[in-house]
Every structure is written in C-alpha cells, then in structure tokens.
Amino acid sequence: MKRTLLLLAVAILTLSATAYAAKPIVEIPDTQLANRVRGALHATFGATAWKIAVTAEDGFVFLYGEVATEPVRARATEIAAGVAGVRGVNNELSVAPGG
C-alpha cells in the first residue's frame, strides 16, 4: 500500500512539474517576423505604412523611413514591440520636416 501511494505521489509531482514548467521561447525566422511587424503597421496606419521599412535580425526589429509626426514615430515602436516574437525595436524613423 505504501509503495502504491509513493508511486502515485511521484506521478502527480511529475505531471504537475511538466504542466508548470517554463515554456521555451519560440524563435520566429527573421523574414517572418519582419512580415508580421509590417502587417501590424499596415493594420494601424493603412497605406502610409509602406513608407516604413522593416528588417529583423535575431528577433530585433529595425524601423527605417520617414513618418509625418513624432507621435506616429512613437506609435510605430509600440506596434512593433507588441508583435509576438519581437525581442526589441530599434526605431530609426525620421520625422518629416514640419511634422
């Protein structure tokens, strides 16, 4: 009886440890990640998103190009950072003169 209870306890501990174990970070290929960020930018900014070039390297996203205002520049960073798989954002966007 003690042996059965011991085996049952070990089985429960093993199953619960597996259920609560840290999940591995899923790495997304850079081209796929850049495309996801482009899609998110397009969904927010519409046709003006084509002015924003996006590249990715090892999960880090780089934004290039020109936007109309500083709030748009800041929002682009927030959008990119919110995409699953993005580890960081380097925003190299410039603001158009007068923006």
N, C-alpha and C. Protein backbone atom coordinates (compact mmCIF):
# COMPACT_ATOMS: atom_id res chain seq x y z
N MET A 1 0.82 -1.19 0.00
CA MET A 1 0.00 0.00 0.00
C MET A 1 0.88 1.27 0.00
N LYS A 2 1.92 1.29 0.84
CA LYS A 2 2.81 2.44 0.89
C LYS A 2 3.50 2.66 -0.46
N ARG A 3 3.86 1.57 -1.08
CA ARG A 3 4.54 1.67 -2.37
C ARG A 3 3.61 2.26 -3.42
N THR A 4 2.36 1.88 -3.43
CA THR A 4 1.38 2.40 -4.37
C THR A 4 1.18 3.90 -4.15
N LEU A 5 1.07 4.30 -2.90
CA LEU A 5 0.91 5.72 -2.59
C LEU A 5 2.14 6.52 -3.00
N LEU A 6 3.31 5.94 -2.78
CA LEU A 6 4.55 6.61 -3.17
C LEU A 6 4.61 6.78 -4.69
N LEU A 7 4.27 5.74 -5.42
CA LEU A 7 4.27 5.83 -6.89
C LEU A 7 3.23 6.85 -7.37
N LEU A 8 2.09 6.87 -6.74
CA LEU A 8 1.05 7.84 -7.10
C LEU A 8 1.53 9.26 -6.83
N ALA A 9 2.18 9.49 -5.70
CA ALA A 9 2.70 10.82 -5.36
C ALA A 9 3.76 11.26 -6.37
N VAL A 10 4.65 10.36 -6.75
CA VAL A 10 5.69 10.69 -7.73
C VAL A 10 5.06 11.02 -9.08
N ALA A 11 4.05 10.25 -9.48
CA ALA A 11 3.37 10.51 -10.74
C ALA A 11 2.70 11.88 -10.73
N ILE A 12 2.06 12.24 -9.64
CA ILE A 12 1.39 13.54 -9.54
C ILE A 12 2.41 14.67 -9.59
N LEU A 13 3.50 14.52 -8.88
CA LEU A 13 4.53 15.55 -8.90
C LEU A 13 5.14 15.71 -10.29
N THR A 14 5.36 14.62 -10.96
CA THR A 14 5.94 14.66 -12.31
C THR A 14 5.00 15.37 -13.27
N LEU A 15 3.72 15.03 -13.21
CA LEU A 15 2.75 15.65 -14.11
C LEU A 15 2.59 17.14 -13.81
N SER A 16 2.56 17.51 -12.55
CA SER A 16 2.40 18.93 -12.23
C SER A 16 3.65 19.72 -12.59
N ALA A 17 4.82 19.14 -12.45
CA ALA A 17 6.06 19.82 -12.83
C ALA A 17 6.09 20.06 -14.34
N THR A 18 5.61 19.10 -15.10
CA THR A 18 5.56 19.25 -16.55
C THR A 18 4.56 20.33 -16.94
N ALA A 19 3.44 20.37 -16.27
CA ALA A 19 2.40 21.35 -16.60
C ALA A 19 2.84 22.77 -16.31
N TYR A 20 3.65 22.98 -15.28
CA TYR A 20 4.05 24.32 -14.88
C TYR A 20 5.48 24.67 -15.28
N ALA A 21 6.10 23.85 -16.06
CA ALA A 21 7.48 24.12 -16.49
C ALA A 21 7.49 25.34 -17.40
N ALA A 22 8.61 26.04 -17.40
CA ALA A 22 8.76 27.21 -18.27
C ALA A 22 8.69 26.76 -19.71
N LYS A 23 7.95 27.50 -20.49
CA LYS A 23 7.82 27.17 -21.90
C LYS A 23 9.00 27.77 -22.65
N PRO A 24 9.54 27.03 -23.61
CA PRO A 24 10.68 27.56 -24.36
C PRO A 24 10.25 28.74 -25.22
N ILE A 25 11.18 29.65 -25.44
CA ILE A 25 10.92 30.79 -26.31
C ILE A 25 10.89 30.28 -27.74
N VAL A 26 9.83 30.63 -28.43
CA VAL A 26 9.70 30.21 -29.83
C VAL A 26 10.39 31.25 -30.69
N GLU A 27 11.37 30.81 -31.42
CA GLU A 27 12.07 31.73 -32.31
C GLU A 27 11.38 31.73 -33.67
N ILE A 28 11.11 32.92 -34.16
CA ILE A 28 10.46 33.09 -35.44
C ILE A 28 11.53 33.54 -36.43
N PRO A 29 11.57 32.95 -37.62
CA PRO A 29 12.56 33.39 -38.61
C PRO A 29 12.43 34.90 -38.85
N ASP A 30 13.57 35.55 -39.07
CA ASP A 30 13.60 37.00 -39.20
C ASP A 30 12.68 37.54 -40.30
N THR A 31 12.64 36.87 -41.44
CA THR A 31 11.78 37.37 -42.52
C THR A 31 10.31 37.29 -42.12
N GLN A 32 9.94 36.23 -41.45
CA GLN A 32 8.56 36.08 -41.00
C GLN A 32 8.23 37.12 -39.94
N LEU A 33 9.16 37.39 -39.04
CA LEU A 33 8.95 38.39 -38.00
C LEU A 33 8.80 39.78 -38.62
N ALA A 34 9.66 40.12 -39.56
CA ALA A 34 9.55 41.42 -40.24
C ALA A 34 8.21 41.53 -40.95
N ASN A 35 7.75 40.46 -41.58
CA ASN A 35 6.44 40.50 -42.25
C ASN A 35 5.30 40.69 -41.26
N ARG A 36 5.40 40.09 -40.10
CA ARG A 36 4.37 40.27 -39.07
C ARG A 36 4.32 41.72 -38.60
N VAL A 37 5.50 42.31 -38.42
CA VAL A 37 5.55 43.71 -38.00
C VAL A 37 4.98 44.60 -39.09
N ARG A 38 5.34 44.35 -40.35
CA ARG A 38 4.77 45.12 -41.47
C ARG A 38 3.25 45.04 -41.48
N GLY A 39 2.74 43.84 -41.26
CA GLY A 39 1.29 43.65 -41.23
C GLY A 39 0.64 44.43 -40.10
N ALA A 40 1.26 44.43 -38.93
CA ALA A 40 0.72 45.18 -37.80
C ALA A 40 0.75 46.68 -38.07
N LEU A 41 1.84 47.15 -38.67
CA LEU A 41 1.92 48.57 -39.01
C LEU A 41 0.87 48.94 -40.06
N HIS A 42 0.69 48.08 -41.04
CA HIS A 42 -0.30 48.33 -42.09
C HIS A 42 -1.71 48.34 -41.50
N ALA A 43 -1.98 47.44 -40.57
CA ALA A 43 -3.31 47.38 -39.95
C ALA A 43 -3.62 48.66 -39.18
N THR A 44 -2.59 49.30 -38.64
CA THR A 44 -2.79 50.52 -37.87
C THR A 44 -2.75 51.77 -38.74
N PHE A 45 -1.75 51.87 -39.59
CA PHE A 45 -1.54 53.09 -40.36
C PHE A 45 -2.11 53.05 -41.78
N GLY A 46 -2.54 51.91 -42.23
CA GLY A 46 -3.09 51.80 -43.58
C GLY A 46 -2.00 51.96 -44.63
N ALA A 47 -2.35 52.62 -45.72
CA ALA A 47 -1.46 52.73 -46.87
C ALA A 47 -0.18 53.51 -46.55
N THR A 48 -0.20 54.37 -45.55
CA THR A 48 1.01 55.14 -45.23
C THR A 48 2.11 54.27 -44.63
N ALA A 49 1.77 53.06 -44.23
CA ALA A 49 2.77 52.16 -43.64
C ALA A 49 3.83 51.74 -44.64
N TRP A 50 3.57 51.88 -45.94
CA TRP A 50 4.58 51.47 -46.92
C TRP A 50 5.83 52.34 -46.81
N LYS A 51 5.72 53.51 -46.18
CA LYS A 51 6.89 54.38 -46.01
C LYS A 51 7.84 53.88 -44.93
N ILE A 52 7.40 52.88 -44.17
CA ILE A 52 8.22 52.35 -43.09
C ILE A 52 8.85 51.03 -43.54
N ALA A 53 10.17 51.02 -43.62
CA ALA A 53 10.89 49.80 -43.97
C ALA A 53 11.16 49.02 -42.68
N VAL A 54 11.00 47.71 -42.74
CA VAL A 54 11.18 46.87 -41.56
C VAL A 54 12.16 45.75 -41.87
N THR A 55 13.15 45.59 -41.02
CA THR A 55 14.05 44.44 -41.09
C THR A 55 14.10 43.82 -39.70
N ALA A 56 14.55 42.59 -39.65
CA ALA A 56 14.68 41.89 -38.36
C ALA A 56 15.96 41.07 -38.35
N GLU A 57 16.55 40.99 -37.18
CA GLU A 57 17.76 40.19 -37.01
C GLU A 57 17.76 39.61 -35.59
N ASP A 58 17.72 38.31 -35.52
CA ASP A 58 17.71 37.61 -34.23
C ASP A 58 16.61 38.08 -33.29
N GLY A 59 15.45 38.41 -33.85
CA GLY A 59 14.32 38.84 -33.05
C GLY A 59 14.27 40.33 -32.78
N PHE A 60 15.30 41.05 -33.18
CA PHE A 60 15.31 42.50 -33.01
C PHE A 60 14.84 43.14 -34.31
N VAL A 61 13.92 44.10 -34.19
CA VAL A 61 13.30 44.73 -35.35
C VAL A 61 13.87 46.13 -35.52
N PHE A 62 14.13 46.50 -36.78
CA PHE A 62 14.66 47.81 -37.12
C PHE A 62 13.67 48.51 -38.03
N LEU A 63 13.31 49.74 -37.69
CA LEU A 63 12.36 50.53 -38.47
C LEU A 63 13.11 51.68 -39.12
N TYR A 64 12.92 51.86 -40.43
CA TYR A 64 13.57 52.92 -41.19
C TYR A 64 12.53 53.66 -42.02
N GLY A 65 12.84 54.88 -42.38
CA GLY A 65 11.96 55.64 -43.26
C GLY A 65 11.58 56.96 -42.64
N GLU A 66 10.49 57.53 -43.15
CA GLU A 66 10.05 58.84 -42.69
C GLU A 66 8.57 58.79 -42.38
N VAL A 67 8.19 59.40 -41.26
CA VAL A 67 6.79 59.47 -40.87
C VAL A 67 6.41 60.94 -40.68
N ALA A 68 5.12 61.20 -40.57
CA ALA A 68 4.62 62.57 -40.54
C ALA A 68 4.88 63.29 -39.23
N THR A 69 4.73 62.59 -38.10
CA THR A 69 4.84 63.26 -36.80
C THR A 69 5.56 62.37 -35.79
N GLU A 70 5.99 63.00 -34.69
CA GLU A 70 6.64 62.26 -33.61
C GLU A 70 5.70 61.25 -32.95
N PRO A 71 4.41 61.57 -32.75
CA PRO A 71 3.51 60.55 -32.19
C PRO A 71 3.38 59.31 -33.08
N VAL A 72 3.42 59.50 -34.38
CA VAL A 72 3.36 58.35 -35.29
C VAL A 72 4.63 57.52 -35.15
N ARG A 73 5.76 58.20 -35.02
CA ARG A 73 7.05 57.51 -34.83
C ARG A 73 7.00 56.67 -33.55
N ALA A 74 6.52 57.26 -32.47
CA ALA A 74 6.44 56.56 -31.18
C ALA A 74 5.46 55.39 -31.26
N ARG A 75 4.34 55.60 -31.93
CA ARG A 75 3.33 54.54 -32.05
C ARG A 75 3.88 53.37 -32.86
N ALA A 76 4.69 53.65 -33.87
CA ALA A 76 5.28 52.58 -34.68
C ALA A 76 6.15 51.67 -33.80
N THR A 77 6.88 52.27 -32.86
CA THR A 77 7.69 51.49 -31.94
C THR A 77 6.81 50.60 -31.07
N GLU A 78 5.73 51.17 -30.54
CA GLU A 78 4.81 50.40 -29.69
C GLU A 78 4.20 49.23 -30.46
N ILE A 79 3.80 49.48 -31.69
CA ILE A 79 3.18 48.43 -32.50
C ILE A 79 4.18 47.31 -32.76
N ALA A 80 5.39 47.68 -33.18
CA ALA A 80 6.41 46.67 -33.47
C ALA A 80 6.74 45.86 -32.22
N ALA A 81 6.87 46.53 -31.09
CA ALA A 81 7.21 45.84 -29.85
C ALA A 81 6.11 44.89 -29.41
N GLY A 82 4.88 45.15 -29.81
CA GLY A 82 3.75 44.32 -29.43
C GLY A 82 3.58 43.05 -30.25
N VAL A 83 4.34 42.90 -31.29
CA VAL A 83 4.24 41.71 -32.15
C VAL A 83 4.95 40.54 -31.46
N ALA A 84 4.28 39.42 -31.41
CA ALA A 84 4.86 38.23 -30.77
C ALA A 84 6.18 37.86 -31.43
N GLY A 85 7.18 37.59 -30.60
CA GLY A 85 8.49 37.19 -31.09
C GLY A 85 9.49 38.32 -31.17
N VAL A 86 9.04 39.57 -31.03
CA VAL A 86 9.95 40.72 -31.10
C VAL A 86 10.66 40.85 -29.75
N ARG A 87 11.98 40.84 -29.80
CA ARG A 87 12.78 40.97 -28.57
C ARG A 87 13.14 42.41 -28.27
N GLY A 88 13.14 43.26 -29.29
CA GLY A 88 13.46 44.67 -29.12
C GLY A 88 13.25 45.42 -30.42
N VAL A 89 13.15 46.74 -30.32
CA VAL A 89 12.91 47.57 -31.51
C VAL A 89 13.93 48.69 -31.54
N ASN A 90 14.55 48.87 -32.70
CA ASN A 90 15.45 49.99 -32.94
C ASN A 90 14.74 50.89 -33.95
N ASN A 91 14.23 52.02 -33.48
CA ASN A 91 13.46 52.92 -34.32
C ASN A 91 14.37 53.98 -34.92
N GLU A 92 14.64 53.85 -36.20
CA GLU A 92 15.46 54.81 -36.93
C GLU A 92 14.60 55.70 -37.82
N LEU A 93 13.29 55.75 -37.54
CA LEU A 93 12.38 56.58 -38.34
C LEU A 93 12.69 58.05 -38.10
N SER A 94 12.62 58.82 -39.17
CA SER A 94 12.77 60.27 -39.04
C SER A 94 11.40 60.91 -39.21
N VAL A 95 11.26 62.09 -38.65
CA VAL A 95 10.00 62.83 -38.76
C VAL A 95 10.16 63.85 -39.89
N ALA A 96 9.17 63.90 -40.76
CA ALA A 96 9.20 64.82 -41.90
C ALA A 96 9.29 66.26 -41.42
N PRO A 97 9.99 67.08 -42.17
CA PRO A 97 10.07 68.50 -41.80
C PRO A 97 8.66 69.08 -41.64
N GLY A 98 8.50 69.85 -40.57
CA GLY A 98 7.20 70.45 -40.31
C GLY A 98 6.26 69.51 -39.57
N GLY A 99 6.73 68.28 -39.28
CA GLY A 99 5.87 67.29 -38.61
C GLY A 99 6.04 67.24 -37.21
